[in-house]
Amino acid sequence: MALPQAANIDLANKLKEEGNAFFREEKYTQALEKYNEALQVGGDSAVLYSNRSACRMKLKKYAVQLDPNFVKAHARLAAAY
């Protein structure tokens, strides 16, 4: 049974706040999980995607590690610096 839209938004906001708390504690893996959960329940905001990216940067999880031959990933990594 799907949650009503307002409940989805409330749950996504709760998960985002939990992620923010983990991020402040430098628990980036747990924060990333909460941001992913928030996106899965229907949260779809630039803030969630940005927070998720910040976690991945702190964890040094870069796309170039997944596929060293992916040129666009190298270009985006260079642009970030």
PDB file of N, CA and C in Angstrom:
ATOM      1  N   MET A   1       0.836  -1.178   0.000  1.00  0.00           N
ATOM      2  CA  MET A   1       0.000   0.000   0.000  1.00  0.00           C
ATOM      3  C   MET A   1       0.881   1.241   0.000  1.00  0.00           C
ATOM      4  N   ALA A   2       0.714   2.107  -0.955  1.00  0.00           N
ATOM      5  CA  ALA A   2       1.524   3.312  -1.075  1.00  0.00           C
ATOM      6  C   ALA A   2       1.094   4.347  -0.040  1.00  0.00           C
ATOM      7  N   LEU A   3       2.069   5.059   0.471  1.00  0.00           N
ATOM      8  CA  LEU A   3       1.764   6.126   1.411  1.00  0.00           C
ATOM      9  C   LEU A   3       1.182   7.318   0.669  1.00  0.00           C
ATOM     10  N   PRO A   4       0.288   8.062   1.307  1.00  0.00           N
ATOM     11  CA  PRO A   4      -0.204   9.286   0.670  1.00  0.00           C
ATOM     12  C   PRO A   4       0.948  10.255   0.429  1.00  0.00           C
ATOM     13  N   GLN A   5       0.773  11.136  -0.523  1.00  0.00           N
ATOM     14  CA  GLN A   5       1.831  12.067  -0.912  1.00  0.00           C
ATOM     15  C   GLN A   5       2.389  12.838   0.284  1.00  0.00           C
ATOM     16  N   ALA A   6       1.523  13.404   1.133  1.00  0.00           N
ATOM     17  CA  ALA A   6       1.992  14.181   2.283  1.00  0.00           C
ATOM     18  C   ALA A   6       2.815  13.313   3.231  1.00  0.00           C
ATOM     19  N   ALA A   7       2.395  12.070   3.425  1.00  0.00           N
ATOM     20  CA  ALA A   7       3.143  11.162   4.294  1.00  0.00           C
ATOM     21  C   ALA A   7       4.508  10.855   3.696  1.00  0.00           C
ATOM     22  N   ASN A   8       4.567  10.710   2.373  1.00  0.00           N
ATOM     23  CA  ASN A   8       5.854  10.481   1.709  1.00  0.00           C
ATOM     24  C   ASN A   8       6.794  11.649   1.958  1.00  0.00           C
ATOM     25  N   ILE A   9       6.280  12.851   1.809  1.00  0.00           N
ATOM     26  CA  ILE A   9       7.108  14.045   1.998  1.00  0.00           C
ATOM     27  C   ILE A   9       7.575  14.135   3.445  1.00  0.00           C
ATOM     28  N   ASP A  10       6.672  13.875   4.381  1.00  0.00           N
ATOM     29  CA  ASP A  10       7.047  13.908   5.800  1.00  0.00           C
ATOM     30  C   ASP A  10       8.117  12.869   6.111  1.00  0.00           C
ATOM     31  N   LEU A  11       7.953  11.666   5.588  1.00  0.00           N
ATOM     32  CA  LEU A  11       8.936  10.612   5.822  1.00  0.00           C
ATOM     33  C   LEU A  11      10.269  10.969   5.174  1.00  0.00           C
ATOM     34  N   ALA A  12      10.231  11.501   3.964  1.00  0.00           N
ATOM     35  CA  ALA A  12      11.463  11.907   3.281  1.00  0.00           C
ATOM     36  C   ALA A  12      12.184  12.984   4.083  1.00  0.00           C
ATOM     37  N   ASN A  13      11.442  13.942   4.623  1.00  0.00           N
ATOM     38  CA  ASN A  13      12.060  15.000   5.434  1.00  0.00           C
ATOM     39  C   ASN A  13      12.665  14.437   6.710  1.00  0.00           C
ATOM     40  N   LYS A  14      11.971  13.485   7.334  1.00  0.00           N
ATOM     41  CA  LYS A  14      12.496  12.845   8.543  1.00  0.00           C
ATOM     42  C   LYS A  14      13.797  12.111   8.229  1.00  0.00           C
ATOM     43  N   LEU A  15      13.811  11.374   7.134  1.00  0.00           N
ATOM     44  CA  LEU A  15      15.019  10.644   6.736  1.00  0.00           C
ATOM     45  C   LEU A  15      16.154  11.599   6.395  1.00  0.00           C
ATOM     46  N   LYS A  16      15.830  12.711   5.754  1.00  0.00           N
ATOM     47  CA  LYS A  16      16.853  13.720   5.430  1.00  0.00           C
ATOM     48  C   LYS A  16      17.472  14.271   6.708  1.00  0.00           C
ATOM     49  N   GLU A  17      16.643  14.580   7.696  1.00  0.00           N
ATOM     50  CA  GLU A  17      17.158  15.101   8.963  1.00  0.00           C
ATOM     51  C   GLU A  17      18.027  14.071   9.675  1.00  0.00           C
ATOM     52  N   GLU A  18      17.635  12.803   9.611  1.00  0.00           N
ATOM     53  CA  GLU A  18      18.465  11.744  10.187  1.00  0.00           C
ATOM     54  C   GLU A  18      19.800  11.675   9.455  1.00  0.00           C
ATOM     55  N   GLY A  19      19.759  11.804   8.137  1.00  0.00           N
ATOM     56  CA  GLY A  19      20.989  11.827   7.355  1.00  0.00           C
ATOM     57  C   GLY A  19      21.865  13.002   7.728  1.00  0.00           C
ATOM     58  N   ASN A  20      21.247  14.164   7.916  1.00  0.00           N
ATOM     59  CA  ASN A  20      22.004  15.355   8.302  1.00  0.00           C
ATOM     60  C   ASN A  20      22.710  15.151   9.641  1.00  0.00           C
ATOM     61  N   ALA A  21      22.017  14.503  10.582  1.00  0.00           N
ATOM     62  CA  ALA A  21      22.626  14.238  11.888  1.00  0.00           C
ATOM     63  C   ALA A  21      23.832  13.311  11.740  1.00  0.00           C
ATOM     64  N   PHE A  22      23.691  12.266  10.944  1.00  0.00           N
ATOM     65  CA  PHE A  22      24.827  11.374  10.697  1.00  0.00           C
ATOM     66  C   PHE A  22      25.973  12.128  10.028  1.00  0.00           C
ATOM     67  N   PHE A  23      25.656  12.991   9.075  1.00  0.00           N
ATOM     68  CA  PHE A  23      26.698  13.739   8.369  1.00  0.00           C
ATOM     69  C   PHE A  23      27.470  14.622   9.352  1.00  0.00           C
ATOM     70  N   ARG A  24      26.753  15.312  10.237  1.00  0.00           N
ATOM     71  CA  ARG A  24      27.421  16.164  11.229  1.00  0.00           C
ATOM     72  C   ARG A  24      28.345  15.353  12.126  1.00  0.00           C
ATOM     73  N   GLU A  25      27.985  14.095  12.364  1.00  0.00           N
ATOM     74  CA  GLU A  25      28.810  13.202  13.189  1.00  0.00           C
ATOM     75  C   GLU A  25      29.908  12.517  12.371  1.00  0.00           C
ATOM     76  N   GLU A  26      30.019  12.892  11.106  1.00  0.00           N
ATOM     77  CA  GLU A  26      30.992  12.320  10.171  1.00  0.00           C
ATOM     78  C   GLU A  26      30.761  10.827   9.941  1.00  0.00           C
ATOM     79  N   LYS A  27      29.519  10.408  10.056  1.00  0.00           N
ATOM     80  CA  LYS A  27      29.122   9.027   9.760  1.00  0.00           C
ATOM     81  C   LYS A  27      28.518   9.038   8.356  1.00  0.00           C
ATOM     82  N   TYR A  28      29.397   9.145   7.378  1.00  0.00           N
ATOM     83  CA  TYR A  28      28.969   9.401   6.007  1.00  0.00           C
ATOM     84  C   TYR A  28      28.245   8.219   5.365  1.00  0.00           C
ATOM     85  N   THR A  29      28.627   7.009   5.704  1.00  0.00           N
ATOM     86  CA  THR A  29      27.944   5.843   5.139  1.00  0.00           C
ATOM     87  C   THR A  29      26.493   5.801   5.601  1.00  0.00           C
ATOM     88  N   GLN A  30      26.275   6.034   6.897  1.00  0.00           N
ATOM     89  CA  GLN A  30      24.910   6.038   7.419  1.00  0.00           C
ATOM     90  C   GLN A  30      24.110   7.203   6.845  1.00  0.00           C
ATOM     91  N   ALA A  31      24.745   8.355   6.706  1.00  0.00           N
ATOM     92  CA  ALA A  31      24.062   9.515   6.128  1.00  0.00           C
ATOM     93  C   ALA A  31      23.640   9.222   4.695  1.00  0.00           C
ATOM     94  N   LEU A  32      24.536   8.622   3.932  1.00  0.00           N
ATOM     95  CA  LEU A  32      24.235   8.273   2.541  1.00  0.00           C
ATOM     96  C   LEU A  32      23.034   7.333   2.470  1.00  0.00           C
ATOM     97  N   GLU A  33      22.983   6.363   3.368  1.00  0.00           N
ATOM     98  CA  GLU A  33      21.848   5.430   3.393  1.00  0.00           C
ATOM     99  C   GLU A  33      20.537   6.166   3.653  1.00  0.00           C
ATOM    100  N   LYS A  34      20.543   7.116   4.577  1.00  0.00           N
ATOM    101  CA  LYS A  34      19.322   7.872   4.886  1.00  0.00           C
ATOM    102  C   LYS A  34      18.889   8.730   3.700  1.00  0.00           C
ATOM    103  N   TYR A  35      19.848   9.369   3.022  1.00  0.00           N
ATOM    104  CA  TYR A  35      19.494  10.182   1.856  1.00  0.00           C
ATOM    105  C   TYR A  35      18.938   9.294   0.741  1.00  0.00           C
ATOM    106  N   ASN A  36      19.523   8.117   0.562  1.00  0.00           N
ATOM    107  CA  ASN A  36      18.998   7.172  -0.436  1.00  0.00           C
ATOM    108  C   ASN A  36      17.570   6.751  -0.090  1.00  0.00           C
ATOM    109  N   GLU A  37      17.331   6.462   1.186  1.00  0.00           N
ATOM    110  CA  GLU A  37      15.980   6.085   1.614  1.00  0.00           C
ATOM    111  C   GLU A  37      14.998   7.222   1.358  1.00  0.00           C
ATOM    112  N   ALA A  38      15.405   8.443   1.652  1.00  0.00           N
ATOM    113  CA  ALA A  38      14.534   9.603   1.441  1.00  0.00           C
ATOM    114  C   ALA A  38      14.161   9.739  -0.031  1.00  0.00           C
ATOM    115  N   LEU A  39      15.117   9.503  -0.910  1.00  0.00           N
ATOM    116  CA  LEU A  39      14.833   9.564  -2.344  1.00  0.00           C
ATOM    117  C   LEU A  39      13.894   8.433  -2.759  1.00  0.00           C
ATOM    118  N   GLN A  40      14.055   7.265  -2.158  1.00  0.00           N
ATOM    119  CA  GLN A  40      13.214   6.118  -2.518  1.00  0.00           C
ATOM    120  C   GLN A  40      11.758   6.298  -2.105  1.00  0.00           C
ATOM    121  N   VAL A  41      11.513   6.987  -0.994  1.00  0.00           N
ATOM    122  CA  VAL A  41      10.127   7.153  -0.539  1.00  0.00           C
ATOM    123  C   VAL A  41       9.428   8.327  -1.209  1.00  0.00           C
ATOM    124  N   GLY A  42      10.140   9.017  -2.056  1.00  0.00           N
ATOM    125  CA  GLY A  42       9.472  10.071  -2.806  1.00  0.00           C
ATOM    126  C   GLY A  42      10.044  11.448  -2.618  1.00  0.00           C
ATOM    127  N   GLY A  43      11.040  11.577  -1.782  1.00  0.00           N
ATOM    128  CA  GLY A  43      11.707  12.865  -1.685  1.00  0.00           C
ATOM    129  C   GLY A  43      12.489  13.069  -2.968  1.00  0.00           C
ATOM    130  N   ASP A  44      12.302  14.174  -3.602  1.00  0.00           N
ATOM    131  CA  ASP A  44      12.976  14.413  -4.886  1.00  0.00           C
ATOM    132  C   ASP A  44      13.393  15.868  -4.941  1.00  0.00           C
ATOM    133  N   SER A  45      14.424  16.181  -4.187  1.00  0.00           N
ATOM    134  CA  SER A  45      14.857  17.568  -4.136  1.00  0.00           C
ATOM    135  C   SER A  45      16.342  17.666  -4.428  1.00  0.00           C
ATOM    136  N   ALA A  46      16.730  18.819  -4.881  1.00  0.00           N
ATOM    137  CA  ALA A  46      18.143  19.068  -5.150  1.00  0.00           C
ATOM    138  C   ALA A  46      18.963  18.898  -3.877  1.00  0.00           C
ATOM    139  N   VAL A  47      18.372  19.226  -2.737  1.00  0.00           N
ATOM    140  CA  VAL A  47      19.085  19.102  -1.464  1.00  0.00           C
ATOM    141  C   VAL A  47      19.476  17.652  -1.202  1.00  0.00           C
ATOM    142  N   LEU A  48      18.557  16.728  -1.424  1.00  0.00           N
ATOM    143  CA  LEU A  48      18.871  15.314  -1.192  1.00  0.00           C
ATOM    144  C   LEU A  48      19.980  14.830  -2.112  1.00  0.00           C
ATOM    145  N   TYR A  49      19.899  15.202  -3.377  1.00  0.00           N
ATOM    146  CA  TYR A  49      20.941  14.787  -4.321  1.00  0.00           C
ATOM    147  C   TYR A  49      22.279  15.430  -3.963  1.00  0.00           C
ATOM    148  N   SER A  50      22.240  16.678  -3.553  1.00  0.00           N
ATOM    149  CA  SER A  50      23.464  17.373  -3.164  1.00  0.00           C
ATOM    150  C   SER A  50      24.070  16.753  -1.907  1.00  0.00           C
ATOM    151  N   ASN A  51      23.227  16.465  -0.922  1.00  0.00           N
ATOM    152  CA  ASN A  51      23.721  15.843   0.308  1.00  0.00           C
ATOM    153  C   ASN A  51      24.316  14.467   0.035  1.00  0.00           C
ATOM    154  N   ARG A  52      23.667  13.729  -0.848  1.00  0.00           N
ATOM    155  CA  ARG A  52      24.175  12.409  -1.215  1.00  0.00           C
ATOM    156  C   ARG A  52      25.545  12.538  -1.891  1.00  0.00           C
ATOM    157  N   SER A  53      25.681  13.521  -2.749  1.00  0.00           N
ATOM    158  CA  SER A  53      26.973  13.754  -3.408  1.00  0.00           C
ATOM    159  C   SER A  53      28.051  14.130  -2.400  1.00  0.00           C
ATOM    160  N   ALA A  54      27.682  14.943  -1.413  1.00  0.00           N
ATOM    161  CA  ALA A  54      28.651  15.331  -0.383  1.00  0.00           C
ATOM    162  C   ALA A  54      29.144  14.105   0.379  1.00  0.00           C
ATOM    163  N   CYS A  55      28.244  13.186   0.673  1.00  0.00           N
ATOM    164  CA  CYS A  55      28.648  11.945   1.351  1.00  0.00           C
ATOM    165  C   CYS A  55      29.623  11.158   0.493  1.00  0.00           C
ATOM    166  N   ARG A  56      29.297  11.043  -0.772  1.00  0.00           N
ATOM    167  CA  ARG A  56      30.174  10.270  -1.665  1.00  0.00           C
ATOM    168  C   ARG A  56      31.546  10.915  -1.785  1.00  0.00           C
ATOM    169  N   MET A  57      31.596  12.240  -1.781  1.00  0.00           N
ATOM    170  CA  MET A  57      32.898  12.915  -1.824  1.00  0.00           C
ATOM    171  C   MET A  57      33.683  12.633  -0.552  1.00  0.00           C
ATOM    172  N   LYS A  58      33.018  12.723   0.600  1.00  0.00           N
ATOM    173  CA  LYS A  58      33.697  12.457   1.873  1.00  0.00           C
ATOM    174  C   LYS A  58      34.196  11.015   1.951  1.00  0.00           C
ATOM    175  N   LEU A  59      33.433  10.096   1.356  1.00  0.00           N
ATOM    176  CA  LEU A  59      33.816   8.683   1.346  1.00  0.00           C
ATOM    177  C   LEU A  59      34.786   8.346   0.216  1.00  0.00           C
ATOM    178  N   LYS A  60      35.065   9.342  -0.614  1.00  0.00           N
ATOM    179  CA  LYS A  60      35.939   9.183  -1.783  1.00  0.00           C
ATOM    180  C   LYS A  60      35.420   8.101  -2.726  1.00  0.00           C
ATOM    181  N   LYS A  61      34.101   8.071  -2.895  1.00  0.00           N
ATOM    182  CA  LYS A  61      33.463   7.138  -3.836  1.00  0.00           C
ATOM    183  C   LYS A  61      33.229   7.890  -5.139  1.00  0.00           C
ATOM    184  N   TYR A  62      34.140   7.728  -6.046  1.00  0.00           N
ATOM    185  CA  TYR A  62      34.071   8.447  -7.311  1.00  0.00           C
ATOM    186  C   TYR A  62      33.725   7.492  -8.446  1.00  0.00           C
ATOM    187  N   ALA A  63      33.051   8.009  -9.438  1.00  0.00           N
ATOM    188  CA  ALA A  63      32.664   7.199 -10.601  1.00  0.00           C
ATOM    189  C   ALA A  63      33.886   6.624 -11.312  1.00  0.00           C
ATOM    190  N   VAL A  64      35.006   7.339 -11.270  1.00  0.00           N
ATOM    191  CA  VAL A  64      36.203   6.837 -11.953  1.00  0.00           C
ATOM    192  C   VAL A  64      36.717   5.551 -11.315  1.00  0.00           C
ATOM    193  N   GLN A  65      36.371   5.320 -10.064  1.00  0.00           N
ATOM    194  CA  GLN A  65      36.770   4.070  -9.422  1.00  0.00           C
ATOM    195  C   GLN A  65      35.939   2.903  -9.940  1.00  0.00           C
ATOM    196  N   LEU A  66      34.695   3.180 -10.287  1.00  0.00           N
ATOM    197  CA  LEU A  66      33.832   2.127 -10.821  1.00  0.00           C
ATOM    198  C   LEU A  66      34.241   1.730 -12.225  1.00  0.00           C
ATOM    199  N   ASP A  67      34.622   2.734 -13.013  1.00  0.00           N
ATOM    200  CA  ASP A  67      35.018   2.483 -14.404  1.00  0.00           C
ATOM    201  C   ASP A  67      36.111   3.473 -14.783  1.00  0.00           C
ATOM    202  N   PRO A  68      37.382   3.097 -14.600  1.00  0.00           N
ATOM    203  CA  PRO A  68      38.493   3.996 -14.883  1.00  0.00           C
ATOM    204  C   PRO A  68      38.548   4.483 -16.332  1.00  0.00           C
ATOM    205  N   ASN A  69      37.855   3.820 -17.234  1.00  0.00           N
ATOM    206  CA  ASN A  69      37.861   4.223 -18.641  1.00  0.00           C
ATOM    207  C   ASN A  69      36.719   5.171 -18.998  1.00  0.00           C
ATOM    208  N   PHE A  70      35.886   5.531 -18.042  1.00  0.00           N
ATOM    209  CA  PHE A  70      34.752   6.416 -18.282  1.00  0.00           C
ATOM    210  C   PHE A  70      35.259   7.858 -18.307  1.00  0.00           C
ATOM    211  N   VAL A  71      35.468   8.370 -19.493  1.00  0.00           N
ATOM    212  CA  VAL A  71      36.092   9.678 -19.700  1.00  0.00           C
ATOM    213  C   VAL A  71      35.287  10.803 -19.052  1.00  0.00           C
ATOM    214  N   LYS A  72      33.971  10.749 -19.178  1.00  0.00           N
ATOM    215  CA  LYS A  72      33.143  11.824 -18.620  1.00  0.00           C
ATOM    216  C   LYS A  72      33.324  11.926 -17.098  1.00  0.00           C
ATOM    217  N   ALA A  73      33.530  10.803 -16.425  1.00  0.00           N
ATOM    218  CA  ALA A  73      33.753  10.829 -14.981  1.00  0.00           C
ATOM    219  C   ALA A  73      35.047  11.557 -14.657  1.00  0.00           C
ATOM    220  N   HIS A  74      36.084  11.333 -15.449  1.00  0.00           N
ATOM    221  CA  HIS A  74      37.352  12.042 -15.245  1.00  0.00           C
ATOM    222  C   HIS A  74      37.168  13.537 -15.464  1.00  0.00           C
ATOM    223  N   ALA A  75      36.421  13.902 -16.482  1.00  0.00           N
ATOM    224  CA  ALA A  75      36.185  15.318 -16.781  1.00  0.00           C
ATOM    225  C   ALA A  75      35.423  15.991 -15.643  1.00  0.00           C
ATOM    226  N   ARG A  76      34.418  15.319 -15.124  1.00  0.00           N
ATOM    227  CA  ARG A  76      33.636  15.903 -14.029  1.00  0.00           C
ATOM    228  C   ARG A  76      34.442  15.989 -12.740  1.00  0.00           C
ATOM    229  N   LEU A  77      35.277  15.003 -12.491  1.00  0.00           N
ATOM    230  CA  LEU A  77      36.140  15.051 -11.324  1.00  0.00           C
ATOM    231  C   LEU A  77      37.110  16.221 -11.437  1.00  0.00           C
ATOM    232  N   ALA A  78      37.674  16.415 -12.604  1.00  0.00           N
ATOM    233  CA  ALA A  78      38.584  17.543 -12.825  1.00  0.00           C
ATOM    234  C   ALA A  78      37.860  18.872 -12.652  1.00  0.00           C
ATOM    235  N   ALA A  79      36.637  18.960 -13.142  1.00  0.00           N
ATOM    236  CA  ALA A  79      35.868  20.198 -13.025  1.00  0.00           C
ATOM    237  C   ALA A  79      35.549  20.518 -11.567  1.00  0.00           C
ATOM    238  N   ALA A  80      35.433  19.488 -10.740  1.00  0.00           N
ATOM    239  CA  ALA A  80      35.131  19.700  -9.328  1.00  0.00           C
ATOM    240  C   ALA A  80      36.296  20.346  -8.589  1.00  0.00           C
ATOM    241  N   TYR A  81      37.488  20.205  -9.140  1.00  0.00           N
ATOM    242  CA  TYR A  81      38.662  20.808  -8.521  1.00  0.00           C
ATOM    243  C   TYR A  81      39.005  22.039  -9.264  1.00  0.00           C
TER     244      TYR A  81
END
